[in-house]
């Protein structure tokens, strides 16, 4: 009888071992699958983050290009407007052009306020503020309500200075923010300014 109990115990242990090994194999496979799923999720989240960052970079790039163009167009048309007022030639067309450029800059500035980084926003606000102040000064001069020291020559000089300072600073800040500027505080700065 002792032999049959031992055989029965051995058989039972064999069955239990076989069942346990199947369960352990199944559990190991489930754990491996969970690890694989977690890896896939991390990879997918990483890919989504990269795509989101790339989309934001592209949006910023497009906004910066348009803002730079709008500011420079407003600046150029203001110069032409000042020249027209000085010469008395083609004033109405120059006035219409500056108004259209002003509207385009205002529209682009509205978008830029939602896209610009916190570090870049004050630089852009400074550049746009300078242009607006010059525009307001020129309009006062045109209407005959200029304040002390406000002349067309002063407006022209301030527009030239705006190119060398505020607009240059904005452009370089946007380039740095996009990671495309190798400009440092070194020797390239005066050469780049002279090319404007």
Protein backbone atom coordinates (compact mmCIF):
# COMPACT_ATOMS: atom_id res chain seq x y z
CA UNK A 1 0.00 0.00 0.00
CA UNK A 2 2.88 2.30 0.72
CA UNK A 3 4.05 1.96 -2.86
CA UNK A 4 0.67 2.85 -4.31
CA UNK A 5 0.38 5.97 -2.11
CA UNK A 6 3.82 7.02 -3.14
CA UNK A 7 2.92 6.45 -6.79
CA UNK A 8 -0.29 8.38 -6.30
CA UNK A 9 1.58 11.25 -4.63
CA UNK A 10 4.18 11.26 -7.41
CA UNK A 11 1.43 11.24 -10.03
CA UNK A 12 -0.41 14.06 -8.27
CA UNK A 13 2.80 16.08 -8.02
CA UNK A 14 3.40 15.44 -11.73
CA UNK A 15 -0.09 16.68 -12.62
CA UNK A 16 0.27 19.69 -10.31
CA UNK A 17 3.71 20.43 -11.79
CA UNK A 18 2.36 20.17 -15.33
CA UNK A 19 -0.55 22.48 -14.51
CA UNK A 20 1.71 24.88 -12.61
CA UNK A 21 4.22 25.04 -15.44
CA UNK A 22 1.41 25.91 -17.87
CA UNK A 23 0.17 28.62 -15.52
CA UNK A 24 3.69 29.94 -14.97
CA UNK A 25 4.34 29.95 -18.71
CA UNK A 26 1.06 31.75 -19.30
CA UNK A 27 1.85 34.28 -16.56
CA UNK A 28 5.35 34.87 -17.94
CA UNK A 29 3.90 35.40 -21.42
CA UNK A 30 1.30 37.83 -20.00
CA UNK A 31 4.05 39.75 -18.16
CA UNK A 32 6.15 39.86 -21.32
CA UNK A 33 3.14 41.12 -23.27
CA UNK A 34 2.49 43.82 -20.64
CA UNK A 35 6.11 44.94 -20.85
CA UNK A 36 5.82 45.03 -24.64
CA UNK A 37 2.58 47.03 -24.46
CA UNK A 38 4.12 49.51 -22.02
CA UNK A 39 7.13 49.87 -24.31
CA UNK A 40 4.82 50.48 -27.29
CA UNK A 41 2.83 53.06 -25.31
CA UNK A 42 6.01 54.86 -24.25
CA UNK A 43 7.23 54.81 -27.84
CA UNK A 44 3.86 56.08 -29.12
CA UNK A 45 3.77 58.84 -26.48
CA UNK A 46 7.33 59.81 -27.38
CA UNK A 47 6.40 59.92 -31.05
CA UNK A 48 3.30 62.01 -30.28
CA UNK A 49 5.42 64.39 -28.19
CA UNK A 50 7.96 64.72 -31.02
CA UNK A 51 5.18 65.35 -33.53
CA UNK A 52 3.57 67.92 -31.22
CA UNK A 53 6.92 69.70 -30.71
CA UNK A 54 7.58 69.63 -34.47
CA UNK A 55 4.11 71.02 -35.22
CA UNK A 56 4.64 73.80 -32.66
CA UNK A 57 8.06 74.58 -34.11
CA UNK A 58 6.54 74.80 -37.58
CA UNK A 59 3.75 77.02 -36.27
CA UNK A 60 6.26 79.29 -34.53
CA UNK A 61 8.43 79.39 -37.63
CA UNK A 62 5.47 80.39 -39.83
CA UNK A 63 4.37 83.00 -37.29
CA UNK A 64 7.90 84.43 -36.98
CA UNK A 65 8.29 84.67 -40.75
CA UNK A 66 4.96 86.44 -41.13
CA UNK A 67 5.58 88.74 -38.15
CA UNK A 68 9.03 89.66 -39.44
CA UNK A 69 7.62 90.39 -42.90
CA UNK A 70 4.71 92.40 -41.50
CA UNK A 71 6.98 94.49 -39.27
CA UNK A 72 9.43 95.14 -42.08
CA UNK A 73 6.64 95.97 -44.53
CA UNK A 74 5.14 98.43 -42.05
CA UNK A 75 8.60 99.90 -41.49
CA UNK A 76 9.23 100.26 -45.25
CA UNK A 77 5.86 101.80 -45.98
CA UNK A 78 6.34 104.23 -43.09
CA UNK A 79 9.64 105.32 -44.66
CA UNK A 80 7.92 105.82 -48.02
CA UNK A 81 5.08 107.68 -46.32
CA UNK A 82 7.52 110.03 -44.59
CA UNK A 83 9.32 110.61 -47.90
CA UNK A 84 5.99 111.31 -49.64
CA UNK A 85 5.06 113.83 -46.95
CA UNK A 86 8.49 115.49 -47.29
CA UNK A 87 8.24 115.77 -51.09
CA UNK A 88 4.49 116.21 -51.39
CA UNK A 89 4.41 113.52 -54.10
CA UNK A 90 1.96 110.61 -54.13
CA UNK A 91 0.84 111.17 -50.54
CA UNK A 92 -2.54 109.44 -50.88
CA UNK A 93 -1.06 106.23 -52.29
CA UNK A 94 1.67 106.18 -49.64
CA UNK A 95 -0.97 106.77 -46.96
CA UNK A 96 -3.11 103.87 -48.28
CA UNK A 97 -0.04 101.61 -48.38
CA UNK A 98 0.97 102.44 -44.83
CA UNK A 99 -2.57 101.86 -43.59
CA UNK A 100 -2.69 98.43 -45.29
CA UNK A 101 0.73 97.53 -43.84
CA UNK A 102 -0.38 98.72 -40.41
CA UNK A 103 -3.48 96.53 -40.58
CA UNK A 104 -1.42 93.51 -41.67
CA UNK A 105 1.02 94.08 -38.81
CA UNK A 106 -1.83 94.43 -36.31
CA UNK A 107 -3.38 91.16 -37.50
CA UNK A 108 -0.07 89.31 -37.35
CA UNK A 109 0.70 90.76 -33.93
CA UNK A 110 -2.58 89.29 -32.66
CA UNK A 111 -1.49 85.80 -33.68
CA UNK A 112 2.06 86.33 -32.47
CA UNK A 113 0.85 87.14 -28.96
CA UNK A 114 -0.52 83.58 -28.77
CA UNK A 115 2.56 81.89 -30.24
CA UNK A 116 5.60 83.83 -28.99
CA UNK A 117 7.48 82.47 -26.03
CA UNK A 118 7.50 84.44 -22.79
CA UNK A 119 11.11 85.42 -23.46
CA UNK A 120 10.36 86.65 -26.98
CA UNK A 121 7.13 88.53 -26.30
CA UNK A 122 8.76 91.62 -24.72
CA UNK A 123 11.26 91.89 -27.61
CA UNK A 124 8.44 91.77 -30.16
CA UNK A 125 6.34 94.21 -28.12
CA UNK A 126 9.27 96.65 -28.06
CA UNK A 127 9.78 96.43 -31.85
CA UNK A 128 6.07 96.86 -32.59
CA UNK A 129 5.75 99.62 -30.01
CA UNK A 130 8.55 101.61 -31.65
CA UNK A 131 6.86 101.34 -35.05
CA UNK A 132 3.47 102.33 -33.62
CA UNK A 133 4.93 105.38 -31.88
CA UNK A 134 6.61 106.51 -35.08
CA UNK A 135 3.39 105.94 -37.03
CA UNK A 136 1.43 108.01 -34.51
CA UNK A 137 4.05 110.76 -34.66
CA UNK A 138 3.90 110.86 -38.47
CA UNK A 139 0.09 111.02 -38.41
CA UNK A 140 0.25 113.93 -35.93
CA UNK A 141 2.73 115.72 -38.18
CA UNK A 142 0.52 115.13 -41.23
CA UNK A 143 -2.51 116.59 -39.43
CA UNK A 144 -0.48 119.57 -38.16
CA UNK A 145 -0.70 118.51 -34.50
CA UNK A 146 2.94 117.58 -33.97
CA UNK A 147 4.43 117.81 -30.52
CA UNK A 148 7.68 119.51 -29.63
CA UNK A 149 10.60 118.02 -31.57
CA UNK A 150 8.39 116.01 -33.91
CA UNK A 151 9.46 116.55 -37.52
CA UNK A 152 9.54 114.42 -40.62
CA UNK A 153 13.34 114.33 -40.33
CA UNK A 154 13.05 113.08 -36.75
CA UNK A 155 10.56 110.42 -37.87
CA UNK A 156 12.92 109.37 -40.67
CA UNK A 157 15.84 109.14 -38.22
CA UNK A 158 13.78 107.12 -35.73
CA UNK A 159 12.75 104.70 -38.49
CA UNK A 160 16.40 104.20 -39.46
CA UNK A 161 17.30 103.60 -35.81
CA UNK A 162 14.39 101.16 -35.43
CA UNK A 163 15.95 99.04 -38.19
CA UNK A 164 19.30 98.95 -36.44
CA UNK A 165 17.95 98.28 -32.99
CA UNK A 166 14.44 96.96 -32.36
CA UNK A 167 13.79 95.12 -35.62
CA UNK A 168 17.28 93.62 -35.64
CA UNK A 169 16.90 92.48 -32.03
CA UNK A 170 13.51 90.91 -32.78
CA UNK A 171 14.76 89.08 -35.85
CA UNK A 172 17.80 87.71 -34.00
CA UNK A 173 15.69 86.67 -30.99
CA UNK A 174 13.30 84.78 -33.28
CA UNK A 175 16.24 83.09 -35.05
CA UNK A 176 17.74 82.04 -31.71
CA UNK A 177 14.37 80.75 -30.52
CA UNK A 178 14.09 78.62 -33.66
CA UNK A 179 17.67 77.41 -33.22
CA UNK A 180 18.89 78.75 -36.57
CA UNK A 181 21.10 81.61 -35.42
CA UNK A 182 24.78 81.11 -34.82
CA UNK A 183 25.08 84.80 -34.04
CA UNK A 184 26.79 85.49 -30.78
CA UNK A 185 27.65 88.74 -29.15
CA UNK A 186 30.85 88.65 -31.22
CA UNK A 187 32.14 90.23 -34.35
CA UNK A 188 29.32 89.21 -36.72
CA UNK A 189 26.84 91.70 -35.32
CA UNK A 190 28.12 94.94 -36.93
CA UNK A 191 28.58 93.25 -40.31
CA UNK A 192 25.05 91.86 -40.20
CA UNK A 193 23.63 95.24 -39.22
CA UNK A 194 25.32 96.93 -42.12
CA UNK A 195 23.62 94.53 -44.53
CA UNK A 196 20.11 95.71 -43.61
